[in-house]
């Protein structure tokens, strides 16, 4: 009789690979879909930005209102515009909130 291999649950695997915001990136909650590939995002730094979904994510990731996303502000108009570079699952969002990465926004 062989030993049973330990297989981590899907939740454990998901949390181990969470993308943490780097310098120049902010977390945000999608407030409003504006049509096309644009949306209004309330960011953790207190600003509301109009963000777009780049082509590499457009067809792979479905983003809805109240989703937690990672935003890269543009070089020009950094207080008003940005790109969505990652979408968090609800489990990942709860983990980030528990660990203190999300400060001023609530979802």
Protein backbone atom coordinates (compact mmCIF):
# COMPACT_ATOMS: atom_id res chain seq x y z
CA UNK A 1 0.00 0.00 0.00
CA UNK A 2 1.40 3.32 -1.09
CA UNK A 3 1.48 6.51 0.84
CA UNK A 4 -1.13 9.12 0.07
CA UNK A 5 0.43 12.22 -1.43
CA UNK A 6 -0.39 15.55 0.13
CA UNK A 7 -2.28 17.71 -2.35
CA UNK A 8 -2.93 21.26 -1.20
CA UNK A 9 -6.43 22.56 -1.65
CA UNK A 10 -7.11 25.07 -4.42
CA UNK A 11 -7.38 27.87 -1.85
CA UNK A 12 -3.87 27.22 -0.48
CA UNK A 13 -2.35 27.22 -3.95
CA UNK A 14 -4.17 30.42 -4.84
CA UNK A 15 -2.97 32.30 -1.75
CA UNK A 16 0.63 31.19 -2.21
CA UNK A 17 0.73 32.93 -5.60
CA UNK A 18 -0.90 36.26 -4.76
CA UNK A 19 0.53 39.24 -6.61
CA UNK A 20 1.46 41.91 -4.09
CA UNK A 21 1.52 45.55 -5.30
CA UNK A 22 5.01 46.75 -6.19
CA UNK A 23 6.24 50.34 -6.21
CA UNK A 24 4.15 52.42 -8.57
CA UNK A 25 1.12 50.08 -8.41
CA UNK A 26 -2.05 50.61 -6.36
CA UNK A 27 -5.02 48.45 -5.43
CA UNK A 28 -8.49 49.57 -6.45
CA UNK A 29 -12.15 48.61 -6.55
CA UNK A 30 -14.07 48.84 -9.83
CA UNK A 31 -16.90 51.36 -9.33
CA UNK A 32 -18.40 51.67 -12.79
CA UNK A 33 -17.98 50.09 -16.21
CA UNK A 34 -17.78 52.87 -18.81
CA UNK A 35 -18.01 50.72 -21.92
CA UNK A 36 -15.44 49.30 -24.28
CA UNK A 37 -12.38 48.48 -22.25
CA UNK A 38 -12.63 51.37 -19.76
CA UNK A 39 -13.83 51.54 -16.16
CA UNK A 40 -13.85 53.89 -13.20
CA UNK A 41 -11.70 52.55 -10.33
CA UNK A 42 -11.55 53.88 -6.75
CA UNK A 43 -7.91 53.41 -5.76
CA UNK A 44 -6.36 52.84 -2.35
CA UNK A 45 -4.47 56.15 -2.54
CA UNK A 46 -7.78 58.06 -2.47
CA UNK A 47 -8.00 58.89 -6.17
CA UNK A 48 -10.62 57.82 -8.69
CA UNK A 49 -9.02 56.85 -12.00
CA UNK A 50 -10.38 55.95 -15.40
CA UNK A 51 -8.57 52.72 -16.19
CA UNK A 52 -8.39 50.59 -19.31
CA UNK A 53 -7.86 46.88 -19.73
CA UNK A 54 -4.81 46.24 -21.94
CA UNK A 55 -5.21 43.90 -24.90
CA UNK A 56 -3.36 41.02 -23.22
CA UNK A 57 -6.02 40.86 -20.49
CA UNK A 58 -9.10 41.94 -22.42
CA UNK A 59 -10.33 38.53 -23.55
CA UNK A 60 -8.77 36.42 -20.77
CA UNK A 61 -10.09 38.27 -17.73
CA UNK A 62 -13.69 39.28 -17.09
CA UNK A 63 -13.83 42.24 -14.74
CA UNK A 64 -17.07 43.34 -13.07
CA UNK A 65 -18.15 46.06 -10.65
CA UNK A 66 -16.81 45.57 -7.07
CA UNK A 67 -13.83 43.46 -8.21
CA UNK A 68 -10.45 44.15 -6.61
CA UNK A 69 -7.86 45.03 -9.25
CA UNK A 70 -4.23 46.10 -9.41
CA UNK A 71 -3.76 49.42 -11.22
CA UNK A 72 -0.62 50.84 -12.82
CA UNK A 73 -1.04 54.64 -13.08
CA UNK A 74 0.12 56.21 -16.34
CA UNK A 75 3.30 58.30 -16.46
CA UNK A 76 1.31 61.30 -17.71
CA UNK A 77 -2.01 61.98 -15.93
CA UNK A 78 -1.05 59.59 -13.12
CA UNK A 79 -3.81 60.97 -10.86
CA UNK A 80 -6.54 60.47 -13.48
CA UNK A 81 -5.67 57.47 -15.69
CA UNK A 82 -4.23 53.99 -15.37
CA UNK A 83 -4.08 50.43 -16.67
CA UNK A 84 -5.59 47.38 -14.96
CA UNK A 85 -2.78 44.83 -14.77
CA UNK A 86 -4.29 42.11 -12.54
CA UNK A 87 -7.65 41.02 -11.13
CA UNK A 88 -7.85 39.36 -7.71
CA UNK A 89 -10.23 36.53 -6.82
CA UNK A 90 -12.45 36.96 -3.73
CA UNK A 91 -10.19 34.62 -1.73
CA UNK A 92 -7.09 36.60 -2.67
CA UNK A 93 -8.87 39.88 -1.85
CA UNK A 94 -9.77 38.64 1.65
CA UNK A 95 -6.16 37.54 2.23
CA UNK A 96 -4.84 40.96 1.17
CA UNK A 97 -7.32 42.67 3.51
CA UNK A 98 -6.34 40.44 6.45
CA UNK A 99 -2.62 41.07 5.86
CA UNK A 100 -3.13 44.87 5.76
CA UNK A 101 -2.36 45.59 2.10
CA UNK A 102 -5.78 47.22 1.62
CA UNK A 103 -6.04 50.37 3.72
CA UNK A 104 -8.66 52.91 2.73
CA UNK A 105 -11.01 51.09 0.33
CA UNK A 106 -13.76 48.73 1.38
CA UNK A 107 -15.41 46.05 -0.71
